[in-house]
Amino acid sequence: MRAKIRRHVTTAKHIFYKETLIDFKEHLWTFIGSFLGIGIIGFLNSRHLNANDNLFLIGSFGASSVLIYGIINSPLAQPRNLIGGHVISALVGVTIHKFVPGEIWFTAALSVSVAIVLMQITKTLHPPGGATALIANIGSPKIIALGYWYVLSPVFSGVMILLLVAIICNNATSHRQYPRNKHWFKVWKRNYKH
């Protein structure tokens, strides 16, 4: 019995030790990728608009950065999920806001809920997509005034910048690979084509 307990304690110590190790290379590339991704979008924003008009830099991009630069092997961080999740959610958010104007509490809840279900159906679940749908309803007047342009810019253009930086930074060293499956589109097409 004592040997079994010691073995469990030893295993727990090993797991705890492994989970608390600091991998400076990993953290450095996470920092570089997220800094460049958000920085490029913010820089482009500052060149075209004044500091108070953050049209290109939306909050959901911060959450996407955690996934695509920090936990790059997560299924939720893969390109199909990143692009599809944001674009579908943006389309849903704008469409619902146009059809039910003035009822923010309802459009916000409905947009997020429909976006989640559509991401599940299309196998593009990306948690920050929920925020993208929400922003289409509760964003600044300038964001809301964009209408369907919101889908193209800031959402699609911003996501493509984040993806490009993720591909470059996450593949800069031999111990990181992004996307998880280099042939992600072929795999998606084979698995999900009906």
C-alpha atoms as a PDB file:
ATOM      1  CA  MET A   1       0.000   0.000   0.000  1.00  0.00           C
ATOM      2  CA  ARG A   2       2.810   2.434   0.918  1.00  0.00           C
ATOM      3  CA  ALA A   3       4.658   1.596  -2.278  1.00  0.00           C
ATOM      4  CA  LYS A   4       1.529   2.367  -4.283  1.00  0.00           C
ATOM      5  CA  ILE A   5       1.104   5.715  -2.494  1.00  0.00           C
ATOM      6  CA  ARG A   6       4.802   6.571  -3.043  1.00  0.00           C
ATOM      7  CA  ARG A   7       4.432   5.723  -6.726  1.00  0.00           C
ATOM      8  CA  HIS A   8       1.399   8.032  -7.019  1.00  0.00           C
ATOM      9  CA  VAL A   9       3.223  10.823  -5.163  1.00  0.00           C
ATOM     10  CA  THR A  10       6.259  10.402  -7.430  1.00  0.00           C
ATOM     11  CA  THR A  11       4.029  10.514 -10.516  1.00  0.00           C
ATOM     12  CA  ALA A  12       2.241  13.612  -9.224  1.00  0.00           C
ATOM     13  CA  LYS A  13       5.564  15.346  -8.510  1.00  0.00           C
ATOM     14  CA  HIS A  14       6.795  14.518 -12.013  1.00  0.00           C
ATOM     15  CA  ILE A  15       3.616  15.837 -13.630  1.00  0.00           C
ATOM     16  CA  PHE A  16       3.708  18.989 -11.508  1.00  0.00           C
ATOM     17  CA  TYR A  17       7.391  19.500 -12.365  1.00  0.00           C
ATOM     18  CA  LYS A  18       6.802  19.060 -16.103  1.00  0.00           C
ATOM     19  CA  GLU A  19       3.822  21.417 -16.072  1.00  0.00           C
ATOM     20  CA  THR A  20       5.743  24.178 -14.304  1.00  0.00           C
ATOM     21  CA  LEU A  21       8.887  24.074 -16.438  1.00  0.00           C
ATOM     22  CA  ILE A  22       9.611  27.320 -18.210  1.00  0.00           C
ATOM     23  CA  ASP A  23      10.528  26.948 -21.857  1.00  0.00           C
ATOM     24  CA  PHE A  24      12.094  30.288 -22.724  1.00  0.00           C
ATOM     25  CA  LYS A  25      12.183  29.540 -26.478  1.00  0.00           C
ATOM     26  CA  GLU A  26       8.497  28.706 -26.491  1.00  0.00           C
ATOM     27  CA  HIS A  27       7.606  31.831 -24.534  1.00  0.00           C
ATOM     28  CA  LEU A  28       9.852  33.995 -26.703  1.00  0.00           C
ATOM     29  CA  TRP A  29       8.171  32.858 -29.920  1.00  0.00           C
ATOM     30  CA  THR A  30       4.734  33.234 -28.343  1.00  0.00           C
ATOM     31  CA  PHE A  31       5.635  36.813 -27.398  1.00  0.00           C
ATOM     32  CA  ILE A  32       7.136  37.635 -30.803  1.00  0.00           C
ATOM     33  CA  GLY A  33       4.156  36.215 -32.706  1.00  0.00           C
ATOM     34  CA  SER A  34       1.474  37.894 -30.631  1.00  0.00           C
ATOM     35  CA  PHE A  35       3.372  41.192 -30.540  1.00  0.00           C
ATOM     36  CA  LEU A  36       3.842  41.225 -34.319  1.00  0.00           C
ATOM     37  CA  GLY A  37       0.304  40.075 -35.110  1.00  0.00           C
ATOM     38  CA  ILE A  38      -1.471  42.612 -32.925  1.00  0.00           C
ATOM     39  CA  GLY A  39       1.226  45.230 -33.566  1.00  0.00           C
ATOM     40  CA  ILE A  40       0.854  45.096 -37.350  1.00  0.00           C
ATOM     41  CA  ILE A  41      -2.928  45.456 -37.136  1.00  0.00           C
ATOM     42  CA  GLY A  42      -2.572  48.317 -34.638  1.00  0.00           C
ATOM     43  CA  PHE A  43       0.093  50.007 -36.774  1.00  0.00           C
ATOM     44  CA  LEU A  44      -2.096  49.839 -39.882  1.00  0.00           C
ATOM     45  CA  ASN A  45      -4.962  51.203 -37.804  1.00  0.00           C
ATOM     46  CA  SER A  46      -2.861  54.126 -36.548  1.00  0.00           C
ATOM     47  CA  ARG A  47      -1.779  55.020 -40.081  1.00  0.00           C
ATOM     48  CA  HIS A  48      -5.313  55.224 -41.425  1.00  0.00           C
ATOM     49  CA  LEU A  49      -7.342  56.442 -38.459  1.00  0.00           C
ATOM     50  CA  ASN A  50      -6.870  58.593 -35.393  1.00  0.00           C
ATOM     51  CA  ALA A  51      -6.094  56.965 -32.041  1.00  0.00           C
ATOM     52  CA  ASN A  52      -9.733  56.912 -30.910  1.00  0.00           C
ATOM     53  CA  ASP A  53     -11.015  55.004 -33.949  1.00  0.00           C
ATOM     54  CA  ASN A  54      -9.856  51.443 -33.355  1.00  0.00           C
ATOM     55  CA  LEU A  55     -11.736  49.976 -36.273  1.00  0.00           C
ATOM     56  CA  PHE A  56      -9.155  47.375 -37.282  1.00  0.00           C
ATOM     57  CA  LEU A  57      -8.130  46.229 -33.824  1.00  0.00           C
ATOM     58  CA  ILE A  58     -11.019  44.361 -32.222  1.00  0.00           C
ATOM     59  CA  GLY A  59     -10.934  42.625 -28.853  1.00  0.00           C
ATOM     60  CA  SER A  60     -11.487  39.131 -30.192  1.00  0.00           C
ATOM     61  CA  PHE A  61      -8.087  39.292 -31.921  1.00  0.00           C
ATOM     62  CA  GLY A  62      -6.426  39.311 -28.508  1.00  0.00           C
ATOM     63  CA  ALA A  63      -8.151  36.053 -27.628  1.00  0.00           C
ATOM     64  CA  SER A  64      -7.232  34.569 -31.012  1.00  0.00           C
ATOM     65  CA  SER A  65      -3.615  35.484 -30.327  1.00  0.00           C
ATOM     66  CA  VAL A  66      -3.652  33.375 -27.161  1.00  0.00           C
ATOM     67  CA  LEU A  67      -4.709  30.382 -29.238  1.00  0.00           C
ATOM     68  CA  ILE A  68      -2.650  30.770 -32.410  1.00  0.00           C
ATOM     69  CA  TYR A  69       0.578  31.880 -30.716  1.00  0.00           C
ATOM     70  CA  GLY A  70       0.271  30.304 -27.263  1.00  0.00           C
ATOM     71  CA  ILE A  71      -1.381  26.902 -27.756  1.00  0.00           C
ATOM     72  CA  ILE A  72      -0.681  26.298 -31.413  1.00  0.00           C
ATOM     73  CA  ASN A  73      -1.534  22.590 -31.401  1.00  0.00           C
ATOM     74  CA  SER A  74      -5.079  23.125 -30.187  1.00  0.00           C
ATOM     75  CA  PRO A  75      -7.714  22.161 -32.749  1.00  0.00           C
ATOM     76  CA  LEU A  76      -9.374  25.509 -31.977  1.00  0.00           C
ATOM     77  CA  ALA A  77      -6.224  27.366 -33.088  1.00  0.00           C
ATOM     78  CA  GLN A  78      -5.925  25.854 -36.555  1.00  0.00           C
ATOM     79  CA  PRO A  79      -6.354  28.032 -39.678  1.00  0.00           C
ATOM     80  CA  ARG A  80      -9.760  26.642 -40.627  1.00  0.00           C
ATOM     81  CA  ASN A  81     -11.065  27.472 -37.163  1.00  0.00           C
ATOM     82  CA  LEU A  82      -9.371  30.872 -37.012  1.00  0.00           C
ATOM     83  CA  ILE A  83     -10.664  32.075 -40.372  1.00  0.00           C
ATOM     84  CA  GLY A  84     -14.004  30.289 -40.448  1.00  0.00           C
ATOM     85  CA  GLY A  85     -14.867  31.034 -36.840  1.00  0.00           C
ATOM     86  CA  HIS A  86     -14.301  34.760 -37.178  1.00  0.00           C
ATOM     87  CA  VAL A  87     -15.890  35.182 -40.616  1.00  0.00           C
ATOM     88  CA  ILE A  88     -18.993  33.130 -39.805  1.00  0.00           C
ATOM     89  CA  SER A  89     -19.412  34.951 -36.495  1.00  0.00           C
ATOM     90  CA  ALA A  90     -18.999  38.362 -38.114  1.00  0.00           C
ATOM     91  CA  LEU A  91     -21.611  37.513 -40.754  1.00  0.00           C
ATOM     92  CA  VAL A  92     -24.011  36.298 -38.080  1.00  0.00           C
ATOM     93  CA  GLY A  93     -23.444  39.340 -35.863  1.00  0.00           C
ATOM     94  CA  VAL A  94     -24.000  41.868 -38.635  1.00  0.00           C
ATOM     95  CA  THR A  95     -27.013  40.043 -40.083  1.00  0.00           C
ATOM     96  CA  ILE A  96     -28.792  39.734 -36.752  1.00  0.00           C
ATOM     97  CA  HIS A  97     -28.050  43.358 -35.881  1.00  0.00           C
ATOM     98  CA  LYS A  98     -29.569  44.474 -39.203  1.00  0.00           C
ATOM     99  CA  PHE A  99     -32.735  42.400 -38.783  1.00  0.00           C
ATOM    100  CA  VAL A 100     -33.356  43.240 -35.120  1.00  0.00           C
ATOM    101  CA  PRO A 101     -32.137  46.804 -34.618  1.00  0.00           C
ATOM    102  CA  GLY A 102     -32.400  48.510 -31.267  1.00  0.00           C
ATOM    103  CA  GLU A 103     -32.686  45.462 -29.013  1.00  0.00           C
ATOM    104  CA  ILE A 104     -29.022  45.124 -28.020  1.00  0.00           C
ATOM    105  CA  TRP A 105     -29.587  42.583 -25.243  1.00  0.00           C
ATOM    106  CA  PHE A 106     -31.458  40.307 -27.647  1.00  0.00           C
ATOM    107  CA  THR A 107     -29.210  40.746 -30.694  1.00  0.00           C
ATOM    108  CA  ALA A 108     -26.084  40.236 -28.581  1.00  0.00           C
ATOM    109  CA  ALA A 109     -27.371  36.984 -27.077  1.00  0.00           C
ATOM    110  CA  LEU A 110     -28.801  35.717 -30.352  1.00  0.00           C
ATOM    111  CA  SER A 111     -25.664  36.565 -32.354  1.00  0.00           C
ATOM    112  CA  VAL A 112     -23.319  34.747 -30.006  1.00  0.00           C
ATOM    113  CA  SER A 113     -25.602  31.715 -29.749  1.00  0.00           C
ATOM    114  CA  VAL A 114     -26.208  31.355 -33.490  1.00  0.00           C
ATOM    115  CA  ALA A 115     -22.506  31.923 -34.210  1.00  0.00           C
ATOM    116  CA  ILE A 116     -21.523  29.125 -31.819  1.00  0.00           C
ATOM    117  CA  VAL A 117     -23.973  26.678 -33.377  1.00  0.00           C
ATOM    118  CA  LEU A 118     -22.882  27.553 -36.927  1.00  0.00           C
ATOM    119  CA  MET A 119     -19.219  27.169 -35.960  1.00  0.00           C
ATOM    120  CA  GLN A 120     -20.062  23.751 -34.513  1.00  0.00           C
ATOM    121  CA  ILE A 121     -21.946  22.714 -37.647  1.00  0.00           C
ATOM    122  CA  THR A 122     -19.141  23.858 -39.960  1.00  0.00           C
ATOM    123  CA  LYS A 123     -16.427  22.461 -37.650  1.00  0.00           C
ATOM    124  CA  THR A 124     -14.807  25.891 -37.385  1.00  0.00           C
ATOM    125  CA  LEU A 125     -15.231  26.397 -33.636  1.00  0.00           C
ATOM    126  CA  HIS A 126     -12.977  29.248 -32.503  1.00  0.00           C
ATOM    127  CA  PRO A 127     -13.973  30.730 -29.109  1.00  0.00           C
ATOM    128  CA  PRO A 128     -12.968  34.329 -29.994  1.00  0.00           C
ATOM    129  CA  GLY A 129     -15.551  34.118 -32.791  1.00  0.00           C
ATOM    130  CA  GLY A 130     -18.237  34.579 -30.160  1.00  0.00           C
ATOM    131  CA  ALA A 131     -16.684  37.925 -29.285  1.00  0.00           C
ATOM    132  CA  THR A 132     -16.551  38.859 -32.975  1.00  0.00           C
ATOM    133  CA  ALA A 133     -20.315  38.277 -33.238  1.00  0.00           C
ATOM    134  CA  LEU A 134     -20.873  40.261 -30.054  1.00  0.00           C
ATOM    135  CA  ILE A 135     -18.718  43.200 -31.224  1.00  0.00           C
ATOM    136  CA  ALA A 136     -20.877  43.465 -34.365  1.00  0.00           C
ATOM    137  CA  ASN A 137     -23.751  44.339 -32.010  1.00  0.00           C
ATOM    138  CA  ILE A 138     -22.179  46.251 -29.137  1.00  0.00           C
ATOM    139  CA  GLY A 139     -19.170  47.820 -30.867  1.00  0.00           C
ATOM    140  CA  SER A 140     -18.630  51.521 -31.367  1.00  0.00           C
ATOM    141  CA  PRO A 141     -20.969  53.402 -33.700  1.00  0.00           C
ATOM    142  CA  LYS A 142     -18.232  53.331 -36.349  1.00  0.00           C
ATOM    143  CA  ILE A 143     -17.974  49.530 -36.146  1.00  0.00           C
ATOM    144  CA  ILE A 144     -21.752  49.159 -36.369  1.00  0.00           C
ATOM    145  CA  ALA A 145     -21.892  51.629 -39.281  1.00  0.00           C
ATOM    146  CA  LEU A 146     -19.559  49.359 -41.272  1.00  0.00           C
ATOM    147  CA  GLY A 147     -22.367  46.841 -41.742  1.00  0.00           C
ATOM    148  CA  TYR A 148     -21.147  43.929 -43.855  1.00  0.00           C
ATOM    149  CA  TRP A 149     -17.837  45.700 -44.465  1.00  0.00           C
ATOM    150  CA  TYR A 150     -17.086  44.658 -40.867  1.00  0.00           C
ATOM    151  CA  VAL A 151     -16.738  41.094 -42.157  1.00  0.00           C
ATOM    152  CA  LEU A 152     -14.036  42.093 -44.670  1.00  0.00           C
ATOM    153  CA  SER A 153     -12.243  44.675 -42.584  1.00  0.00           C
ATOM    154  CA  PRO A 154     -11.443  44.441 -39.732  1.00  0.00           C
ATOM    155  CA  VAL A 155     -12.401  40.769 -39.359  1.00  0.00           C
ATOM    156  CA  PHE A 156     -11.136  38.962 -42.466  1.00  0.00           C
ATOM    157  CA  SER A 157      -8.172  41.250 -43.113  1.00  0.00           C
ATOM    158  CA  GLY A 158      -7.149  41.141 -39.445  1.00  0.00           C
ATOM    159  CA  VAL A 159      -7.466  37.373 -39.255  1.00  0.00           C
ATOM    160  CA  MET A 160      -5.312  36.979 -42.365  1.00  0.00           C
ATOM    161  CA  ILE A 161      -2.599  39.163 -40.803  1.00  0.00           C
ATOM    162  CA  LEU A 162      -2.717  37.111 -37.598  1.00  0.00           C
ATOM    163  CA  LEU A 163      -2.555  33.876 -39.613  1.00  0.00           C
ATOM    164  CA  LEU A 164       0.388  34.994 -41.744  1.00  0.00           C
ATOM    165  CA  VAL A 165       2.355  36.036 -38.659  1.00  0.00           C
ATOM    166  CA  ALA A 166       1.416  32.748 -36.939  1.00  0.00           C
ATOM    167  CA  ILE A 167       2.680  30.685 -39.861  1.00  0.00           C
ATOM    168  CA  ILE A 168       5.976  32.598 -39.956  1.00  0.00           C
ATOM    169  CA  CYS A 169       6.662  32.792 -36.197  1.00  0.00           C
ATOM    170  CA  ASN A 170       5.368  29.379 -35.223  1.00  0.00           C
ATOM    171  CA  ASN A 171       7.506  27.670 -37.849  1.00  0.00           C
ATOM    172  CA  ALA A 172      10.663  29.698 -37.152  1.00  0.00           C
ATOM    173  CA  THR A 173      12.068  26.943 -34.937  1.00  0.00           C
ATOM    174  CA  SER A 174      12.161  23.192 -35.321  1.00  0.00           C
ATOM    175  CA  HIS A 175      10.158  22.478 -32.164  1.00  0.00           C
ATOM    176  CA  ARG A 176       7.035  24.380 -33.243  1.00  0.00           C
ATOM    177  CA  GLN A 177       4.781  23.499 -36.165  1.00  0.00           C
ATOM    178  CA  TYR A 178       1.754  25.480 -37.284  1.00  0.00           C
ATOM    179  CA  PRO A 179      -0.671  24.542 -38.640  1.00  0.00           C
ATOM    180  CA  ARG A 180      -0.694  21.281 -36.727  1.00  0.00           C
ATOM    181  CA  ASN A 181      -1.281  19.437 -39.969  1.00  0.00           C
ATOM    182  CA  LYS A 182       0.539  21.118 -42.849  1.00  0.00           C
ATOM    183  CA  HIS A 183      -2.073  19.821 -45.241  1.00  0.00           C
ATOM    184  CA  TRP A 184      -5.005  21.123 -43.200  1.00  0.00           C
ATOM    185  CA  PHE A 185      -7.132  22.086 -46.178  1.00  0.00           C
ATOM    186  CA  LYS A 186      -6.779  18.666 -47.822  1.00  0.00           C
ATOM    187  CA  VAL A 187      -7.625  16.946 -44.544  1.00  0.00           C
ATOM    188  CA  TRP A 188     -10.637  19.205 -44.030  1.00  0.00           C
ATOM    189  CA  LYS A 189     -11.818  18.642 -47.586  1.00  0.00           C
ATOM    190  CA  ARG A 190     -11.464  14.856 -47.241  1.00  0.00           C
ATOM    191  CA  ASN A 191     -13.129  14.673 -43.797  1.00  0.00           C
ATOM    192  CA  TYR A 192     -15.915  17.212 -44.139  1.00  0.00           C
ATOM    193  CA  LYS A 193     -16.865  17.333 -47.816  1.00  0.00           C
ATOM    194  CA  HIS A 194     -20.414  16.063 -48.176  1.00  0.00           C
END
